[in-house]
Amino acid sequence: MILNFIVSFIVSRMTPEPPLEIQQLIENVRAPELDEVETKTASNE
């Protein structure tokens, strides 16, 4: 188990950060209700 953590850490440090579009896609998958709330709030203003 500790080996998995070490390998994950090394790989995460050696690979480049994903593009902003991909990061936003992941955030929308993680918390889709936040995107809906922001959209509703923006349309109410």
PDB file of N, CA and C in Angstrom:
ATOM      1  N   MET A   1       0.821  -1.189   0.000  1.00  0.00           N
ATOM      2  CA  MET A   1       0.000   0.000   0.000  1.00  0.00           C
ATOM      3  C   MET A   1       0.870   1.260   0.000  1.00  0.00           C
ATOM      4  N   ILE A   2       1.903   1.266   0.775  1.00  0.00           N
ATOM      5  CA  ILE A   2       2.786   2.430   0.793  1.00  0.00           C
ATOM      6  C   ILE A   2       3.485   2.585  -0.553  1.00  0.00           C
ATOM      7  N   LEU A   3       3.747   1.471  -1.219  1.00  0.00           N
ATOM      8  CA  LEU A   3       4.369   1.534  -2.542  1.00  0.00           C
ATOM      9  C   LEU A   3       3.443   2.241  -3.532  1.00  0.00           C
ATOM     10  N   ASN A   4       2.148   1.975  -3.446  1.00  0.00           N
ATOM     11  CA  ASN A   4       1.186   2.647  -4.322  1.00  0.00           C
ATOM     12  C   ASN A   4       1.217   4.159  -4.108  1.00  0.00           C
ATOM     13  N   PHE A   5       1.280   4.569  -2.862  1.00  0.00           N
ATOM     14  CA  PHE A   5       1.338   5.997  -2.547  1.00  0.00           C
ATOM     15  C   PHE A   5       2.607   6.623  -3.116  1.00  0.00           C
ATOM     16  N   ILE A   6       3.708   5.963  -2.950  1.00  0.00           N
ATOM     17  CA  ILE A   6       4.991   6.486  -3.440  1.00  0.00           C
ATOM     18  C   ILE A   6       4.977   6.611  -4.954  1.00  0.00           C
ATOM     19  N   VAL A   7       4.494   5.567  -5.634  1.00  0.00           N
ATOM     20  CA  VAL A   7       4.438   5.599  -7.098  1.00  0.00           C
ATOM     21  C   VAL A   7       3.493   6.703  -7.568  1.00  0.00           C
ATOM     22  N   SER A   8       2.346   6.827  -6.934  1.00  0.00           N
ATOM     23  CA  SER A   8       1.391   7.880  -7.303  1.00  0.00           C
ATOM     24  C   SER A   8       2.005   9.262  -7.127  1.00  0.00           C
ATOM     25  N   PHE A   9       2.700   9.453  -6.038  1.00  0.00           N
ATOM     26  CA  PHE A   9       3.330  10.739  -5.771  1.00  0.00           C
ATOM     27  C   PHE A   9       4.387  11.056  -6.825  1.00  0.00           C
ATOM     28  N   ILE A  10       5.217  10.096  -7.148  1.00  0.00           N
ATOM     29  CA  ILE A  10       6.282  10.312  -8.138  1.00  0.00           C
ATOM     30  C   ILE A  10       5.681  10.616  -9.512  1.00  0.00           C
ATOM     31  N   VAL A  11       4.686   9.845  -9.895  1.00  0.00           N
ATOM     32  CA  VAL A  11       4.063  10.060 -11.205  1.00  0.00           C
ATOM     33  C   VAL A  11       3.396  11.434 -11.262  1.00  0.00           C
ATOM     34  N   SER A  12       2.731  11.834 -10.187  1.00  0.00           N
ATOM     35  CA  SER A  12       2.065  13.141 -10.185  1.00  0.00           C
ATOM     36  C   SER A  12       3.071  14.285 -10.288  1.00  0.00           C
ATOM     37  N   ARG A  13       4.264  14.107  -9.765  1.00  0.00           N
ATOM     38  CA  ARG A  13       5.289  15.157  -9.827  1.00  0.00           C
ATOM     39  C   ARG A  13       5.979  15.190 -11.182  1.00  0.00           C
ATOM     40  N   MET A  14       6.011  14.069 -11.882  1.00  0.00           N
ATOM     41  CA  MET A  14       6.743  13.984 -13.150  1.00  0.00           C
ATOM     42  C   MET A  14       5.873  14.334 -14.355  1.00  0.00           C
ATOM     43  N   THR A  15       4.571  14.312 -14.210  1.00  0.00           N
ATOM     44  CA  THR A  15       3.691  14.594 -15.343  1.00  0.00           C
ATOM     45  C   THR A  15       3.214  16.044 -15.282  1.00  0.00           C
ATOM     46  N   PRO A  16       2.958  16.632 -16.445  1.00  0.00           N
ATOM     47  CA  PRO A  16       2.488  18.035 -16.452  1.00  0.00           C
ATOM     48  C   PRO A  16       1.051  18.141 -15.967  1.00  0.00           C
ATOM     49  N   GLU A  17       0.704  19.335 -15.522  1.00  0.00           N
ATOM     50  CA  GLU A  17      -0.656  19.617 -15.071  1.00  0.00           C
ATOM     51  C   GLU A  17      -1.596  19.565 -16.286  1.00  0.00           C
ATOM     52  N   PRO A  18      -2.789  19.019 -16.113  1.00  0.00           N
ATOM     53  CA  PRO A  18      -3.714  18.963 -17.254  1.00  0.00           C
ATOM     54  C   PRO A  18      -4.179  20.366 -17.656  1.00  0.00           C
ATOM     55  N   PRO A  19      -4.638  20.511 -18.901  1.00  0.00           N
ATOM     56  CA  PRO A  19      -5.120  21.818 -19.355  1.00  0.00           C
ATOM     57  C   PRO A  19      -6.298  22.309 -18.505  1.00  0.00           C
ATOM     58  N   LEU A  20      -6.503  23.611 -18.500  1.00  0.00           N
ATOM     59  CA  LEU A  20      -7.564  24.224 -17.708  1.00  0.00           C
ATOM     60  C   LEU A  20      -8.934  23.659 -18.068  1.00  0.00           C
ATOM     61  N   GLU A  21      -9.175  23.395 -19.339  1.00  0.00           N
ATOM     62  CA  GLU A  21     -10.464  22.835 -19.774  1.00  0.00           C
ATOM     63  C   GLU A  21     -10.739  21.495 -19.090  1.00  0.00           C
ATOM     64  N   ILE A  22      -9.719  20.669 -18.986  1.00  0.00           N
ATOM     65  CA  ILE A  22      -9.873  19.355 -18.359  1.00  0.00           C
ATOM     66  C   ILE A  22     -10.097  19.513 -16.858  1.00  0.00           C
ATOM     67  N   GLN A  23      -9.388  20.446 -16.238  1.00  0.00           N
ATOM     68  CA  GLN A  23      -9.585  20.687 -14.810  1.00  0.00           C
ATOM     69  C   GLN A  23     -11.013  21.130 -14.520  1.00  0.00           C
ATOM     70  N   GLN A  24     -11.557  22.002 -15.366  1.00  0.00           N
ATOM     71  CA  GLN A  24     -12.932  22.460 -15.185  1.00  0.00           C
ATOM     72  C   GLN A  24     -13.918  21.320 -15.401  1.00  0.00           C
ATOM     73  N   LEU A  25     -13.647  20.456 -16.376  1.00  0.00           N
ATOM     74  CA  LEU A  25     -14.506  19.299 -16.625  1.00  0.00           C
ATOM     75  C   LEU A  25     -14.553  18.406 -15.393  1.00  0.00           C
ATOM     76  N   ILE A  26     -13.407  18.151 -14.795  1.00  0.00           N
ATOM     77  CA  ILE A  26     -13.341  17.306 -13.604  1.00  0.00           C
ATOM     78  C   ILE A  26     -14.096  17.947 -12.451  1.00  0.00           C
ATOM     79  N   GLU A  27     -13.947  19.255 -12.265  1.00  0.00           N
ATOM     80  CA  GLU A  27     -14.672  19.943 -11.191  1.00  0.00           C
ATOM     81  C   GLU A  27     -16.177  19.844 -11.394  1.00  0.00           C
ATOM     82  N   ASN A  28     -16.631  19.946 -12.646  1.00  0.00           N
ATOM     83  CA  ASN A  28     -18.056  19.827 -12.931  1.00  0.00           C
ATOM     84  C   ASN A  28     -18.567  18.418 -12.675  1.00  0.00           C
ATOM     85  N   VAL A  29     -17.734  17.428 -12.885  1.00  0.00           N
ATOM     86  CA  VAL A  29     -18.125  16.048 -12.607  1.00  0.00           C
ATOM     87  C   VAL A  29     -18.181  15.823 -11.100  1.00  0.00           C
ATOM     88  N   ARG A  30     -17.240  16.398 -10.374  1.00  0.00           N
ATOM     89  CA  ARG A  30     -17.194  16.230  -8.920  1.00  0.00           C
ATOM     90  C   ARG A  30     -18.365  16.907  -8.224  1.00  0.00           C
ATOM     91  N   ALA A  31     -18.713  18.105  -8.656  1.00  0.00           N
ATOM     92  CA  ALA A  31     -19.752  18.882  -7.976  1.00  0.00           C
ATOM     93  C   ALA A  31     -20.641  19.565  -9.013  1.00  0.00           C
ATOM     94  N   PRO A  32     -21.496  18.817  -9.688  1.00  0.00           N
ATOM     95  CA  PRO A  32     -22.319  19.434 -10.735  1.00  0.00           C
ATOM     96  C   PRO A  32     -23.315  20.457 -10.195  1.00  0.00           C
ATOM     97  N   GLU A  33     -23.754  20.313  -8.951  1.00  0.00           N
ATOM     98  CA  GLU A  33     -24.730  21.257  -8.408  1.00  0.00           C
ATOM     99  C   GLU A  33     -24.133  22.647  -8.238  1.00  0.00           C
ATOM    100  N   LEU A  34     -22.843  22.765  -8.028  1.00  0.00           N
ATOM    101  CA  LEU A  34     -22.211  24.076  -7.899  1.00  0.00           C
ATOM    102  C   LEU A  34     -22.294  24.839  -9.214  1.00  0.00           C
ATOM    103  N   ASP A  35     -22.110  24.147 -10.324  1.00  0.00           N
ATOM    104  CA  ASP A  35     -22.205  24.780 -11.629  1.00  0.00           C
ATOM    105  C   ASP A  35     -23.627  25.277 -11.865  1.00  0.00           C
ATOM    106  N   GLU A  36     -24.624  24.497 -11.473  1.00  0.00           N
ATOM    107  CA  GLU A  36     -26.017  24.900 -11.643  1.00  0.00           C
ATOM    108  C   GLU A  36     -26.338  26.121 -10.783  1.00  0.00           C
ATOM    109  N   VAL A  37     -25.850  26.154  -9.557  1.00  0.00           N
ATOM    110  CA  VAL A  37     -26.094  27.282  -8.648  1.00  0.00           C
ATOM    111  C   VAL A  37     -25.455  28.539  -9.223  1.00  0.00           C
ATOM    112  N   GLU A  38     -24.227  28.444  -9.730  1.00  0.00           N
ATOM    113  CA  GLU A  38     -23.561  29.594 -10.301  1.00  0.00           C
ATOM    114  C   GLU A  38     -24.313  30.109 -11.518  1.00  0.00           C
ATOM    115  N   THR A  39     -24.824  29.212 -12.335  1.00  0.00           N
ATOM    116  CA  THR A  39     -25.575  29.596 -13.530  1.00  0.00           C
ATOM    117  C   THR A  39     -26.865  30.306 -13.136  1.00  0.00           C
ATOM    118  N   LYS A  40     -27.570  29.765 -12.146  1.00  0.00           N
ATOM    119  CA  LYS A  40     -28.822  30.380 -11.705  1.00  0.00           C
ATOM    120  C   LYS A  40     -28.555  31.746 -11.079  1.00  0.00           C
ATOM    121  N   THR A  41     -27.505  31.852 -10.313  1.00  0.00           N
ATOM    122  CA  THR A  41     -27.161  33.120  -9.664  1.00  0.00           C
ATOM    123  C   THR A  41     -26.802  34.166 -10.717  1.00  0.00           C
ATOM    124  N   ALA A  42     -26.048  33.769 -11.707  1.00  0.00           N
ATOM    125  CA  ALA A  42     -25.630  34.704 -12.752  1.00  0.00           C
ATOM    126  C   ALA A  42     -26.834  35.185 -13.567  1.00  0.00           C
ATOM    127  N   SER A  43     -27.811  34.305 -13.788  1.00  0.00           N
ATOM    128  CA  SER A  43     -28.976  34.703 -14.587  1.00  0.00           C
ATOM    129  C   SER A  43     -29.927  35.592 -13.783  1.00  0.00           C
ATOM    130  N   ASN A  44     -29.876  35.522 -12.462  1.00  0.00           N
ATOM    131  CA  ASN A  44     -30.747  36.339 -11.611  1.00  0.00           C
ATOM    132  C   ASN A  44     -30.220  37.758 -11.438  1.00  0.00           C
ATOM    133  N   GLU A  45     -28.969  37.970 -11.722  1.00  0.00           N
ATOM    134  CA  GLU A  45     -28.359  39.296 -11.491  1.00  0.00           C
ATOM    135  C   GLU A  45     -28.689  40.259 -12.595  1.00  0.00           C
TER     136      GLU A  45
END
